[in-house]
Amino acid sequence: MMKIRTSTAKTMAMMKSDVGPIQITELMGDGIGPELAESIHAVAESLPVDFNFHQVDWSLANREARGDAVIDEAEASMRQTKLAVKYPTVTNKSSALIRRRCDFSVIYRPAISIPGIHTNFKENVNLHIVRIATGGTYDDPGQLIGKDAAVSLRMVERKPCEQAAKFAFELARSKGMTYGSSHYSVTSASKHTIQRVTDGLFESVVTKIHEQYQDVEHRVELFDALLAKIILNPSAYEVVLVLNEYGDFLSDMASGLVGSLGTGASGNYSFDENNDVDIAMFDPAGGTAPDIAGKNLANPAAVLLAFGMLLDHINRYDLGHALRLSLLGCLEKGHSTRDLGGKLNTDEFTKIVIDNIPAHLPG
């Protein structure tokens, strides 16, 4: 792809602040990963702040060739910058290892209806899913008992529940403050009436953390009932806090409701001893798309939304919001890549987004 440089980008580059560069680790992936990175770099260059990207070759070939050395490199970089963008990769054991090394225990994934994207679901969705990313049955592959039975251990730990609960209530509070009189609540959902010990521990921790956030409404739902209620009345739910497996199911269902995995983005978080965020890594949903890799056909919407989440995280909501409004405005007007029914290539879509960012910046 050619480097994107527009008159708008030049104008905004001249406005760059004197604040030191924002340091970001990039886990460079496979397939369309390099094209998505170019899109982010073009947007970053257009914004009135400076960024330094620290690239780590996270391709499958390099991970297989270097083993633990590349995991060490990625961990060291993220612990230094505290920020990362991860591009689509072919999954192998290193994907799980880097998450464990950095202690990522919470995943935040918004699922929001976007005008201009076709969906069979006609209600407006504005869900903010906070998922405990450790424990459950995902950490234990199970074992056979004899020839005709198998068992798997399900673990729920207090500390990740505390971290996720604090994150969820902080998120709801900040959303409510950002949108003024808008109401943002937290709904915790589980099967606590059946899984009385594991899910019961989760709900008890959330209830305890809620004592520090009495200004935020907290509701409790049974998870299976929640799925039906979201479909029947999605506007009744904003921030939803769930355990690992439930979050996996809910995130995929929510993506289906809003019409596309191609616009999904998420944040992954580790925490310090005070349950404040330590490292934050942002990534787009979707895979490496090897069939279109290198053809300038990739849809960068999800990775740009992930970059917007990163900007929010570093208290540059003004820039993150401007990026989102520009991108969503493009989609609403039918300016999109081919996977969403449009005619634009990766560079063309990125350029339109950049050209429209200044109109949404404050002042």
Protein backbone atom coordinates (compact mmCIF):
# COMPACT_ATOMS: atom_id res chain seq x y z
CA MET A 1 0.00 0.00 0.00
CA MET A 2 1.06 3.56 -0.64
CA LYS A 3 1.62 5.87 2.32
CA ILE A 4 -1.44 8.04 2.92
CA ARG A 5 -0.78 11.76 3.16
CA THR A 6 -3.57 14.29 2.68
CA SER A 7 -3.85 18.04 2.98
CA THR A 8 -5.94 17.49 6.10
CA ALA A 9 -3.25 15.29 7.59
CA LYS A 10 -0.66 17.97 6.92
CA THR A 11 -2.78 20.65 8.57
CA MET A 12 -3.40 18.53 11.67
CA ALA A 13 0.24 17.49 11.87
CA MET A 14 1.17 21.18 12.19
CA MET A 15 -1.07 21.37 15.27
CA LYS A 16 0.78 18.64 17.20
CA SER A 17 1.13 19.33 20.91
CA ASP A 18 4.37 19.69 22.82
CA VAL A 19 3.54 16.72 25.05
CA GLY A 20 6.05 13.88 24.69
CA PRO A 21 5.28 11.09 22.23
CA ILE A 22 2.84 8.39 23.30
CA GLN A 23 4.69 5.08 23.35
CA ILE A 24 2.78 2.12 21.91
CA THR A 25 3.86 -1.49 21.45
CA GLU A 26 2.71 -3.06 18.19
CA LEU A 27 2.38 -6.83 17.90
CA MET A 28 2.72 -7.15 14.13
CA GLY A 29 0.64 -10.06 12.91
CA ASP A 30 -0.06 -12.25 9.92
CA GLY A 31 -2.16 -11.87 6.78
CA ILE A 32 -3.77 -8.43 6.61
CA GLY A 33 -1.96 -7.30 9.78
CA PRO A 34 0.63 -5.11 8.00
CA GLU A 35 -2.11 -3.32 6.01
CA LEU A 36 -4.09 -2.61 9.17
CA ALA A 37 -0.91 -1.25 10.77
CA GLU A 38 -0.44 1.16 7.87
CA SER A 39 -4.00 2.40 8.36
CA ILE A 40 -3.39 3.10 12.05
CA HIS A 41 -0.08 4.82 11.31
CA ALA A 42 -1.77 7.10 8.77
CA VAL A 43 -4.48 8.07 11.26
CA ALA A 44 -1.93 8.53 14.06
CA GLU A 45 0.18 10.80 11.87
CA SER A 46 -2.86 12.99 11.21
CA LEU A 47 -3.69 13.56 14.89
CA PRO A 48 -2.37 16.54 16.89
CA VAL A 49 -0.21 14.36 19.16
CA ASP A 50 2.93 12.34 18.51
CA PHE A 51 3.20 8.56 18.71
CA ASN A 52 6.18 6.23 18.82
CA PHE A 53 5.37 2.69 17.73
CA HIS A 54 7.59 -0.10 19.06
CA GLN A 55 7.12 -3.00 16.68
CA VAL A 56 7.45 -6.64 17.69
CA ASP A 57 7.36 -9.24 14.92
CA TRP A 58 4.44 -11.37 16.16
CA SER A 59 4.02 -13.32 12.92
CA LEU A 60 3.56 -17.06 13.27
CA ALA A 61 6.84 -17.73 11.49
CA ASN A 62 8.79 -15.55 13.94
CA ARG A 63 7.01 -16.93 16.99
CA GLU A 64 7.75 -20.49 15.88
CA ALA A 65 11.37 -19.63 15.06
CA ARG A 66 12.19 -17.66 18.22
CA GLY A 67 9.93 -19.30 20.79
CA ASP A 68 10.19 -17.79 24.27
CA ALA A 69 12.54 -15.05 23.07
CA VAL A 70 9.83 -13.23 21.14
CA ILE A 71 7.42 -13.62 24.05
CA ASP A 72 10.07 -12.08 26.32
CA GLU A 73 10.48 -9.21 23.84
CA ALA A 74 6.73 -8.55 23.63
CA GLU A 75 6.28 -8.69 27.40
CA ALA A 76 9.20 -6.35 28.08
CA SER A 77 7.93 -3.83 25.55
CA MET A 78 4.37 -3.85 26.90
CA ARG A 79 5.53 -3.54 30.50
CA GLN A 80 7.50 -0.47 29.44
CA THR A 81 4.90 1.27 27.26
CA LYS A 82 1.80 0.06 29.14
CA LEU A 83 -0.03 0.28 25.80
CA ALA A 84 -0.27 -2.13 22.88
CA VAL A 85 -2.07 -2.74 19.62
CA LYS A 86 -2.27 -6.35 18.49
CA TYR A 87 -3.02 -7.16 14.88
CA PRO A 88 -4.66 -10.38 13.63
CA THR A 89 -2.41 -13.42 14.04
CA VAL A 90 -2.49 -17.13 13.44
CA THR A 91 -3.09 -18.53 16.91
CA ASN A 92 -0.60 -20.82 18.60
CA LYS A 93 0.47 -21.38 22.21
CA SER A 94 2.33 -18.05 22.35
CA SER A 95 -0.99 -16.21 22.06
CA ALA A 96 -2.11 -17.61 25.40
CA LEU A 97 1.35 -17.31 26.93
CA ILE A 98 1.66 -13.56 26.33
CA ARG A 99 -1.74 -13.01 27.94
CA ARG A 100 -0.64 -14.98 30.98
CA ARG A 101 2.75 -13.23 31.13
CA CYS A 102 1.05 -9.82 31.18
CA ASP A 103 -1.75 -11.02 33.49
CA PHE A 104 -4.57 -9.88 31.25
CA SER A 105 -7.64 -10.64 33.32
CA VAL A 106 -10.37 -8.46 31.80
CA ILE A 107 -11.65 -8.01 28.25
CA TYR A 108 -13.87 -5.05 27.34
CA ARG A 109 -15.78 -5.31 24.08
CA PRO A 110 -18.35 -2.76 22.93
CA ALA A 111 -21.14 -3.91 20.61
CA ILE A 112 -22.92 -0.90 19.14
CA SER A 113 -25.33 -0.59 16.22
CA ILE A 114 -23.79 1.30 13.33
CA PRO A 115 -26.03 3.03 10.75
CA GLY A 116 -25.02 1.93 7.28
CA ILE A 117 -24.26 -1.67 8.23
CA HIS A 118 -26.91 -4.19 7.26
CA THR A 119 -28.30 -6.33 10.05
CA ASN A 120 -31.35 -8.53 10.40
CA PHE A 121 -31.84 -7.15 13.92
CA LYS A 122 -33.63 -3.80 13.78
CA GLU A 123 -33.41 -2.64 17.41
CA ASN A 124 -30.63 -0.30 18.52
CA VAL A 125 -27.84 -2.02 20.47
CA ASN A 126 -25.46 -0.21 22.84
CA LEU A 127 -23.79 -2.96 24.87
CA HIS A 128 -20.49 -2.69 26.72
CA ILE A 129 -19.44 -6.23 27.63
CA VAL A 130 -16.89 -6.64 30.42
CA ARG A 131 -15.62 -10.20 30.56
CA ILE A 132 -13.44 -11.85 33.15
CA ALA A 133 -10.78 -13.35 30.88
CA THR A 134 -9.38 -15.98 33.23
CA GLY A 135 -10.75 -19.11 34.83
CA GLY A 136 -13.95 -20.88 33.99
CA THR A 137 -13.47 -24.14 32.15
CA TYR A 138 -11.23 -22.49 29.54
CA ASP A 139 -8.14 -22.90 31.70
CA ASP A 140 -8.66 -26.66 32.06
CA PRO A 141 -8.91 -28.94 29.00
CA GLY A 142 -10.30 -31.69 31.22
CA GLN A 143 -9.39 -35.33 31.53
CA LEU A 144 -10.93 -38.68 30.81
CA ILE A 145 -12.26 -40.87 33.61
CA GLY A 146 -12.07 -44.34 32.23
CA LYS A 147 -13.28 -44.65 28.64
CA ASP A 148 -16.77 -43.21 28.83
CA ALA A 149 -16.61 -40.09 30.97
CA ALA A 150 -14.67 -36.86 31.22
CA VAL A 151 -14.39 -34.10 33.79
CA SER A 152 -13.24 -30.48 33.68
CA LEU A 153 -12.43 -28.21 36.62
CA ARG A 154 -14.12 -24.78 36.65
CA MET A 155 -12.21 -22.12 38.56
CA VAL A 156 -13.51 -18.68 39.60
CA GLU A 157 -11.04 -16.47 41.49
CA ARG A 158 -11.83 -13.49 43.70
CA LYS A 159 -9.12 -11.12 42.42
CA PRO A 160 -10.11 -11.10 38.72
CA CYS A 161 -13.74 -10.67 39.78
CA GLU A 162 -12.77 -7.61 41.83
CA GLN A 163 -10.76 -6.17 38.96
CA ALA A 164 -13.55 -6.71 36.43
CA ALA A 165 -16.21 -5.34 38.77
CA LYS A 166 -14.25 -2.16 39.47
CA PHE A 167 -13.57 -1.74 35.74
CA ALA A 168 -17.28 -2.21 34.91
CA PHE A 169 -18.53 0.30 37.49
CA GLU A 170 -15.87 2.83 36.51
CA LEU A 171 -16.86 2.39 32.87
CA ALA A 172 -20.55 2.90 33.60
CA ARG A 173 -19.82 5.96 35.72
CA SER A 174 -17.61 7.52 33.04
CA LYS A 175 -20.13 6.80 30.29
CA GLY A 176 -22.88 8.40 32.36
CA MET A 177 -20.73 11.48 32.99
CA THR A 178 -19.68 11.73 29.34
CA TYR A 179 -23.23 11.64 28.07
CA GLY A 180 -24.66 13.89 30.76
CA SER A 181 -28.13 12.78 31.75
CA SER A 182 -27.76 9.45 29.95
CA HIS A 183 -28.27 6.48 32.24
CA TYR A 184 -25.64 3.77 32.38
CA SER A 185 -26.14 0.76 34.61
CA VAL A 186 -24.15 -2.41 35.29
CA THR A 187 -25.81 -5.78 34.92
CA SER A 188 -23.93 -8.77 36.29
CA ALA A 189 -25.12 -12.08 34.85
CA SER A 190 -24.36 -15.67 35.79
CA LYS A 191 -26.03 -18.94 36.78
CA HIS A 192 -25.66 -18.30 40.51
CA THR A 193 -28.86 -20.18 41.36
CA ILE A 194 -27.34 -23.38 39.92
CA GLN A 195 -23.58 -22.81 40.18
CA ARG A 196 -24.02 -21.59 43.74
CA VAL A 197 -20.36 -21.68 44.77
CA THR A 198 -18.49 -20.48 41.65
CA ASP A 199 -21.05 -18.06 40.21
CA GLY A 200 -22.14 -17.24 43.73
CA LEU A 201 -18.61 -16.06 44.54
CA PHE A 202 -18.63 -13.86 41.44
CA GLU A 203 -21.95 -12.22 42.33
CA SER A 204 -20.93 -11.67 45.96
CA VAL A 205 -17.72 -9.91 44.86
CA VAL A 206 -19.63 -7.68 42.43
CA THR A 207 -22.13 -6.76 45.13
CA LYS A 208 -19.30 -5.86 47.49
CA ILE A 209 -17.52 -3.68 44.92
CA HIS A 210 -20.82 -1.96 44.12
CA GLU A 211 -20.80 -0.50 47.63
CA GLN A 212 -18.14 1.92 46.34
CA TYR A 213 -20.33 2.96 43.37
CA GLN A 214 -23.74 3.71 44.81
CA ASP A 215 -24.31 6.30 42.07
CA VAL A 216 -24.33 3.47 39.48
CA GLU A 217 -27.33 1.16 39.31
CA HIS A 218 -26.49 -2.55 39.62
CA ARG A 219 -28.83 -5.33 38.50
CA VAL A 220 -28.39 -9.10 38.62
CA GLU A 221 -29.71 -11.42 35.89
CA LEU A 222 -29.52 -15.12 35.18
CA PHE A 223 -27.34 -15.44 32.10
CA ASP A 224 -29.69 -17.54 29.96
CA ALA A 225 -32.57 -15.16 30.69
CA LEU A 226 -30.32 -12.20 29.90
CA LEU A 227 -29.72 -13.44 26.36
CA ALA A 228 -33.44 -13.45 25.67
CA LYS A 229 -34.01 -10.10 27.37
CA ILE A 230 -31.29 -8.39 25.34
CA ILE A 231 -32.92 -9.56 22.12
CA LEU A 232 -36.37 -8.47 23.32
CA ASN A 233 -35.29 -5.12 24.77
CA PRO A 234 -31.61 -4.27 24.11
CA SER A 235 -32.00 -0.65 25.20
CA ALA A 236 -32.46 -1.82 28.81
CA TYR A 237 -28.81 -2.90 29.03
CA GLU A 238 -25.58 -0.93 28.87
CA VAL A 239 -22.59 -2.36 30.76
CA VAL A 240 -22.83 -6.14 31.20
CA LEU A 241 -20.35 -7.94 33.49
CA VAL A 242 -19.87 -11.68 33.06
CA LEU A 243 -17.58 -14.62 33.73
CA ASN A 244 -15.28 -16.05 31.06
CA GLU A 245 -17.46 -18.47 29.09
CA TYR A 246 -20.53 -16.29 29.36
CA GLY A 247 -18.60 -13.34 27.97
CA ASP A 248 -17.44 -15.42 25.03
CA PHE A 249 -21.03 -16.41 24.17
CA LEU A 250 -22.45 -12.93 24.74
CA SER A 251 -19.79 -11.16 22.66
CA ASP A 252 -20.46 -13.34 19.63
CA MET A 253 -24.23 -12.97 19.97
CA ALA A 254 -23.88 -9.20 20.27
CA SER A 255 -21.68 -9.08 17.16
CA GLY A 256 -24.42 -10.90 15.28
CA LEU A 257 -27.03 -8.42 16.48
CA VAL A 258 -25.08 -5.40 15.23
CA GLY A 259 -24.38 -7.08 11.91
CA SER A 260 -20.65 -7.54 11.50
CA LEU A 261 -17.57 -8.98 13.15
CA GLY A 262 -15.65 -6.62 10.88
CA THR A 263 -16.40 -3.66 13.12
CA GLY A 264 -15.67 -5.34 16.46
CA ALA A 265 -12.83 -4.16 18.69
CA SER A 266 -11.78 -5.00 22.21
CA GLY A 267 -9.46 -3.97 25.03
CA ASN A 268 -7.48 -6.40 27.19
CA TYR A 269 -6.36 -5.24 30.64
CA SER A 270 -4.02 -6.21 33.43
CA PHE A 271 -4.11 -4.54 36.85
CA ASP A 272 -1.87 -3.41 39.68
CA GLU A 273 -2.27 -4.23 43.38
CA ASN A 274 -4.92 -1.49 43.71
CA ASN A 275 -7.00 -2.99 40.89
CA ASP A 276 -6.16 -0.04 38.63
CA VAL A 277 -5.30 -0.78 35.00
CA ASP A 278 -1.60 -1.49 34.46
CA ILE A 279 -1.24 -2.67 30.83
CA ALA A 280 -3.88 -2.19 28.13
CA MET A 281 -3.79 -4.00 24.78
CA PHE A 282 -6.29 -3.26 22.03
CA ASP A 283 -7.13 -5.43 19.03
CA PRO A 284 -9.70 -5.83 16.25
CA ALA A 285 -12.05 -8.76 15.94
CA GLY A 286 -11.63 -11.00 12.93
CA GLY A 287 -8.88 -13.13 11.52
CA THR A 288 -5.86 -12.81 9.29
CA ALA A 289 -7.87 -13.07 6.02
CA PRO A 290 -5.02 -14.63 4.01
CA ASP A 291 -7.17 -14.66 0.86
CA ILE A 292 -7.05 -10.85 0.62
CA ALA A 293 -3.71 -10.19 2.34
CA GLY A 294 -1.53 -7.75 0.42
CA LYS A 295 -4.36 -6.75 -1.95
CA ASN A 296 -5.36 -3.48 -0.25
CA LEU A 297 -8.86 -4.88 0.37
CA ALA A 298 -8.82 -5.24 4.17
CA ASN A 299 -11.46 -3.44 6.20
CA PRO A 300 -9.62 -1.26 8.76
CA ALA A 301 -12.78 -0.17 10.61
CA ALA A 302 -12.31 -2.55 13.54
CA VAL A 303 -8.64 -1.73 14.08
CA LEU A 304 -9.38 2.01 13.90
CA LEU A 305 -12.14 1.56 16.49
CA ALA A 306 -9.59 -0.32 18.62
CA PHE A 307 -7.22 2.64 18.24
CA GLY A 308 -10.06 4.91 19.32
CA MET A 309 -10.42 2.81 22.48
CA LEU A 310 -6.70 3.25 23.10
CA LEU A 311 -7.06 7.03 22.80
CA ASP A 312 -9.94 6.97 25.29
CA HIS A 313 -7.80 4.95 27.68
CA ILE A 314 -5.01 7.53 27.71
CA ASN A 315 -7.52 10.31 28.46
CA ARG A 316 -7.63 11.60 24.89
CA TYR A 317 -11.33 11.00 24.55
CA ASP A 318 -11.51 14.08 22.33
CA LEU A 319 -9.38 12.34 19.72
CA GLY A 320 -10.94 8.90 20.17
CA HIS A 321 -14.43 10.33 19.84
CA ALA A 322 -13.51 12.37 16.76
CA LEU A 323 -12.05 9.26 15.14
CA ARG A 324 -15.20 7.26 15.91
CA LEU A 325 -17.56 9.94 14.67
CA SER A 326 -15.60 10.29 11.45
CA LEU A 327 -15.50 6.54 10.86
CA LEU A 328 -19.17 5.97 11.73
CA GLY A 329 -20.18 8.91 9.57
CA CYS A 330 -18.35 7.38 6.61
CA LEU A 331 -20.14 4.07 7.10
CA GLU A 332 -23.52 5.77 7.46
CA LYS A 333 -22.98 7.54 4.13
CA GLY A 334 -22.11 4.25 2.43
CA HIS A 335 -18.37 4.83 2.27
CA SER A 336 -17.11 1.35 3.12
CA THR A 337 -14.94 -1.54 2.00
CA ARG A 338 -16.26 -4.41 -0.06
CA ASP A 339 -17.00 -6.74 2.85
CA LEU A 340 -19.61 -4.21 4.00
CA GLY A 341 -21.08 -3.72 0.53
CA GLY A 342 -18.98 -0.73 -0.49
CA LYS A 343 -16.38 -0.18 -3.18
CA LEU A 344 -13.45 1.35 -1.29
CA ASN A 345 -10.09 -0.26 -0.73
CA THR A 346 -8.15 -0.01 2.52
CA ASP A 347 -6.26 3.17 1.58
CA GLU A 348 -9.35 4.93 0.25
CA PHE A 349 -11.42 4.22 3.34
CA THR A 350 -8.61 5.32 5.63
CA LYS A 351 -8.17 8.57 3.70
CA ILE A 352 -11.87 9.46 3.96
CA VAL A 353 -11.81 8.81 7.70
CA ILE A 354 -8.73 11.04 8.12
CA ASP A 355 -10.23 13.83 6.02
CA ASN A 356 -13.35 13.95 8.22
CA ILE A 357 -11.67 13.86 11.65
CA PRO A 358 -11.07 17.66 11.93
CA ALA A 359 -14.81 18.37 11.69
CA HIS A 360 -15.33 16.42 14.91
CA LEU A 361 -12.49 17.82 16.98
CA PRO A 362 -13.52 20.25 19.74
CA GLY A 363 -12.86 23.92 19.18
